[in-house]
Structure formats: structure tokens, C-alpha cells
Amino acid sequence: MKPALQLALDFVDLHRALGVAQEAMRGGVEWLEIGTPLLKAEGLDAVRKLRAEFPKATLVCDTKTMDAGRIEMECAAKAGADVATVLGAASDATLRECIEAGRNYGIRVAVDLVSLEDPVKRARQAEEWGAALVGVHCPIDQQMEGKDPFDVLRAVAQAVSIPISVAGGVNSETAAAAVAAGASVVVVGGAITKSEDAAAATA
């Protein structure tokens, strides 16, 4: 797939999320993420309202599902999400339930590899079971220690053929490097949402 820019709307107020999303869409964002804080604060109504406002955007509902996978995927799909997330740390049964529910309800399932001891192994399993994509999180704390944020991304990219999203402090200076390291979807949050001009920051 062509590399896409995903905006993480990690707000607790839907009005602010909608305003920033409108600016970012003008700047070229294609994927909008209903971040976990927004989902917890506003519920699935955030998905419904973003879908109504942006009918052509790819909406990612960052459910970070850990259990009860089938019902959470069903809820996200019926609210209008295109993609929902399950944590790779969840049980094998939960991952398979999410992926099967995704097939049934027409929603793509992304497996979040955050904080796994063996993200490459889990990414391979996710692909084998039918996940649509996997997500690599580059911890900011490790970046502060001088570690290469894209080491895990490169390893996962060599192991699977499904699209990979990457998140964790990505900005205009590192987005191209993330794509070069194997990312299909680059997730940006604060570099856009905290800027004075979200449209310009997105562009």
C-alpha cells in the first residue's frame, strides 16, 4: 500500500479532536485515529461523529482490546470504524476472535506489538491468523536513551508482508526514515495536535 499519514487524536474532548482533525485533513492526513483517551472519554460516539464529519477518511478505533475481542470489534465496526486494535499481549484466543470478528463485520484488525518481548514472533502469528496490519510502537523513553527507534520496525518489516504502522514521537524529521525502515502507516500525534497550525504541520 502507498504510505499513509495517521493522526492520533489523543484528546479527552471531542470538540477539540474534531477541530484539529478538520485542519489536519486539509493538510493531507488520510487516516484518523480515535485515540484511547478520546475513546475512554467520549465513547463510541467519537467514532460516529468523526465518521459523519469525514466519510472518506480511514478511521482507526484504538480500542487496545485485551479480552472480549469479538464484541469490541463488532462495536467498533458498527460505530463506523475501518480499523480497530488489539494488543499483541492478549491471549492467542483473543487475537483470533478479533480477527474472525473483523472478517464477519468488515473491519480491519491491527495487532499492537507494544511492550512484547518477541514482537517479530507475534507479528508472524498475527499475519498467519489473518490480521490486516501490525503496529510497532517506538517508546519515547528508549529514544531518550539514544536507542534507534526503528530497530524493531526493521525487524518486523523483514518478517511479515502485511502493512505495518509505526508510532511514538514521529515528526516531520523522522517520518521519511520510518517509511524507509518499513512503515506503511506513519502515526503522528503531538507534532500535529500541539502545533499552532495543524494543517501546516501535517503538510
Protein backbone atom coordinates (compact mmCIF):
# COMPACT_ATOMS: atom_id res chain seq x y z
CA MET A 1 0.00 0.00 0.00
CA LYS A 2 1.04 3.61 -0.51
CA PRO A 3 2.42 5.11 2.74
CA ALA A 4 -0.29 6.91 4.71
CA LEU A 5 -0.22 9.51 7.45
CA GLN A 6 -2.36 8.74 10.50
CA LEU A 7 -3.26 11.42 13.04
CA ALA A 8 -3.59 10.22 16.64
CA LEU A 9 -6.42 12.21 18.20
CA ASP A 10 -5.39 11.65 21.81
CA PHE A 11 -7.77 14.21 23.29
CA VAL A 12 -10.33 13.89 26.06
CA ASP A 13 -12.64 16.43 24.42
CA LEU A 14 -14.40 15.56 21.17
CA HIS A 15 -14.85 19.21 20.14
CA ARG A 16 -11.07 19.77 20.19
CA ALA A 17 -10.46 16.49 18.36
CA LEU A 18 -12.86 17.47 15.60
CA GLY A 19 -11.25 20.89 15.18
CA VAL A 20 -7.74 19.51 14.85
CA ALA A 21 -8.95 16.73 12.55
CA GLN A 22 -10.52 19.29 10.21
CA GLU A 23 -7.25 21.22 9.99
CA ALA A 24 -5.16 18.09 9.53
CA MET A 25 -7.41 16.75 6.79
CA ARG A 26 -6.82 19.99 4.91
CA GLY A 27 -3.10 19.38 5.31
CA GLY A 28 -3.26 15.87 3.85
CA VAL A 29 -3.98 13.37 6.65
CA GLU A 30 -5.75 10.28 5.33
CA TRP A 31 -6.18 8.19 8.48
CA LEU A 32 -7.75 9.49 11.70
CA GLU A 33 -7.21 7.64 14.95
CA ILE A 34 -9.76 7.83 17.72
CA GLY A 35 -7.08 7.63 20.38
CA THR A 36 -7.61 5.60 23.52
CA PRO A 37 -8.04 8.72 25.74
CA LEU A 38 -10.72 10.05 23.40
CA LEU A 39 -12.44 6.67 23.23
CA LYS A 40 -12.49 6.41 27.02
CA ALA A 41 -13.71 9.98 27.49
CA GLU A 42 -16.32 10.15 24.73
CA GLY A 43 -17.09 6.51 23.95
CA LEU A 44 -18.02 5.18 20.54
CA ASP A 45 -19.90 8.43 19.89
CA ALA A 46 -16.48 9.83 18.95
CA VAL A 47 -16.25 7.26 16.15
CA ARG A 48 -19.78 8.02 14.96
CA LYS A 49 -19.24 11.77 14.87
CA LEU A 50 -15.87 11.53 13.12
CA ARG A 51 -17.41 9.17 10.56
CA ALA A 52 -20.23 11.63 9.91
CA GLU A 53 -17.77 14.52 9.60
CA PHE A 54 -15.17 12.67 7.50
CA PRO A 55 -16.95 9.99 5.43
CA LYS A 56 -13.92 9.27 3.23
CA ALA A 57 -11.24 9.09 5.95
CA THR A 58 -9.89 5.79 7.23
CA LEU A 59 -10.95 5.71 10.89
CA VAL A 60 -8.86 3.76 13.38
CA CYS A 61 -10.56 2.97 16.67
CA ASP A 62 -7.68 2.43 19.12
CA THR A 63 -9.56 0.02 21.36
CA LYS A 64 -6.38 -1.71 22.59
CA THR A 65 -8.53 -4.77 23.17
CA MET A 66 -7.19 -7.25 25.71
CA ASP A 67 -10.21 -9.52 26.14
CA ALA A 68 -13.77 -9.95 24.81
CA GLY A 69 -12.38 -9.43 21.34
CA ARG A 70 -15.44 -10.32 19.29
CA ILE A 71 -17.81 -7.84 20.94
CA GLU A 72 -15.29 -4.99 20.88
CA MET A 73 -14.59 -5.45 17.18
CA GLU A 74 -18.32 -5.63 16.48
CA CYS A 75 -18.95 -2.40 18.42
CA ALA A 76 -16.15 -0.54 16.64
CA ALA A 77 -17.33 -1.73 13.23
CA LYS A 78 -20.96 -0.79 13.84
CA ALA A 79 -19.88 2.67 15.02
CA GLY A 80 -18.18 3.26 11.67
CA ALA A 81 -14.51 2.41 12.24
CA ASP A 82 -12.45 0.92 9.42
CA VAL A 83 -9.73 -0.44 11.72
CA ALA A 84 -9.65 -1.48 15.39
CA THR A 85 -6.70 -2.51 17.53
CA VAL A 86 -5.99 -5.50 19.73
CA LEU A 87 -2.93 -5.76 21.95
CA GLY A 88 -0.44 -8.38 20.90
CA ALA A 89 -0.02 -9.17 24.60
CA ALA A 90 -3.58 -10.54 24.65
CA SER A 91 -4.15 -14.28 24.54
CA ASP A 92 -3.97 -16.21 21.29
CA ALA A 93 -7.70 -16.83 21.65
CA THR A 94 -8.45 -13.11 21.88
CA LEU A 95 -6.35 -12.30 18.81
CA ARG A 96 -8.06 -14.99 16.78
CA GLU A 97 -11.50 -13.89 17.99
CA CYS A 98 -10.76 -10.30 16.97
CA ILE A 99 -9.54 -11.32 13.53
CA GLU A 100 -12.52 -13.60 12.95
CA ALA A 101 -14.90 -10.86 14.10
CA GLY A 102 -13.14 -8.47 11.75
CA ARG A 103 -13.96 -10.76 8.85
CA ASN A 104 -17.59 -11.05 9.97
CA TYR A 105 -18.16 -7.32 10.48
CA GLY A 106 -15.95 -5.89 7.75
CA ILE A 107 -13.37 -4.18 9.95
CA ARG A 108 -9.61 -4.50 9.62
CA VAL A 109 -7.82 -5.68 12.75
CA ALA A 110 -4.45 -4.24 13.73
CA VAL A 111 -2.29 -6.06 16.27
CA ASP A 112 -0.36 -3.65 18.51
CA LEU A 113 3.09 -5.05 19.31
CA VAL A 114 3.85 -2.62 22.15
CA SER A 115 5.91 -3.96 25.07
CA LEU A 116 6.29 -7.50 23.73
CA GLU A 117 9.47 -9.45 24.39
CA ASP A 118 9.30 -11.00 20.92
CA PRO A 119 7.37 -8.65 18.62
CA VAL A 120 8.64 -10.41 15.48
CA LYS A 121 7.17 -13.74 16.56
CA ARG A 122 3.82 -12.13 17.39
CA ALA A 123 3.78 -10.24 14.09
CA ARG A 124 4.28 -13.50 12.20
CA GLN A 125 1.45 -15.13 14.13
CA ALA A 126 -0.82 -12.15 13.51
CA GLU A 127 -0.17 -12.35 9.78
CA GLU A 128 -0.73 -16.12 9.75
CA TRP A 129 -4.07 -15.73 11.53
CA GLY A 130 -5.24 -13.03 9.12
CA ALA A 131 -4.59 -9.69 10.80
CA ALA A 132 -4.75 -6.75 8.40
CA LEU A 133 -1.74 -4.97 9.86
CA VAL A 134 0.57 -4.81 12.85
CA GLY A 135 1.63 -1.77 14.83
CA VAL A 136 5.12 -1.03 16.13
CA HIS A 137 5.43 1.47 18.97
CA CYS A 138 8.78 3.19 19.44
CA PRO A 139 8.95 4.07 23.16
CA ILE A 140 9.98 7.68 23.78
CA ASP A 141 11.93 6.67 26.90
CA GLN A 142 14.15 4.37 24.82
CA GLN A 143 14.70 7.14 22.28
CA MET A 144 15.79 9.42 25.13
CA GLU A 145 18.44 6.80 25.97
CA GLY A 146 19.80 7.09 22.43
CA LYS A 147 18.41 3.81 21.10
CA ASP A 148 17.40 3.57 17.44
CA PRO A 149 13.60 3.89 17.45
CA PHE A 150 13.22 1.90 14.25
CA ASP A 151 15.23 -1.24 15.10
CA VAL A 152 12.09 -3.23 15.93
CA LEU A 153 10.30 -1.78 12.91
CA ARG A 154 13.04 -3.05 10.58
CA ALA A 155 12.98 -6.50 12.15
CA VAL A 156 9.19 -6.77 11.86
CA ALA A 157 9.26 -5.46 8.28
CA GLN A 158 11.66 -8.25 7.31
CA ALA A 159 9.40 -10.86 8.91
CA VAL A 160 5.93 -10.02 7.53
CA SER A 161 4.34 -8.83 4.32
CA ILE A 162 1.23 -7.17 5.78
CA PRO A 163 1.28 -3.38 6.32
CA ILE A 164 2.98 -2.01 9.44
CA SER A 165 2.09 1.15 11.31
CA VAL A 166 4.64 2.94 13.46
CA ALA A 167 4.01 5.32 16.34
CA GLY A 168 5.98 7.01 19.10
CA GLY A 169 7.26 10.55 18.79
CA VAL A 170 7.30 10.53 14.98
CA ASN A 171 7.56 14.01 13.45
CA SER A 172 8.37 15.69 10.13
CA GLU A 173 12.07 14.97 10.63
CA THR A 174 11.64 11.22 11.23
CA ALA A 175 8.58 10.29 9.14
CA ALA A 176 10.58 9.57 5.98
CA ALA A 177 13.02 7.42 7.95
CA ALA A 178 10.08 5.44 9.35
CA VAL A 179 8.84 4.70 5.82
CA ALA A 180 12.35 3.74 4.74
CA ALA A 181 12.51 1.34 7.70
CA GLY A 182 9.33 -0.42 6.56
CA ALA A 183 6.31 1.53 7.80
CA SER A 184 3.21 1.71 5.62
CA VAL A 185 1.32 3.92 8.07
CA VAL A 186 3.10 6.67 9.99
CA VAL A 187 1.25 7.69 13.15
CA VAL A 188 1.80 11.25 14.31
CA GLY A 189 0.29 12.83 17.39
CA GLY A 190 1.78 15.77 19.25
CA ALA A 191 3.82 17.05 16.29
CA ILE A 192 0.46 17.96 14.73
CA THR A 193 -2.01 18.26 17.60
CA LYS A 194 0.24 20.55 19.65
CA SER A 195 1.25 22.77 16.74
CA GLU A 196 -0.14 26.26 16.20
CA ASP A 197 -1.19 25.36 12.66
CA ALA A 198 -2.23 21.72 12.33
CA ALA A 199 -2.73 21.96 8.56
CA ALA A 200 0.79 23.29 8.02
CA ALA A 201 2.32 20.78 10.42
CA THR A 202 0.53 17.95 8.60
CA ALA A 203 1.73 19.14 5.20
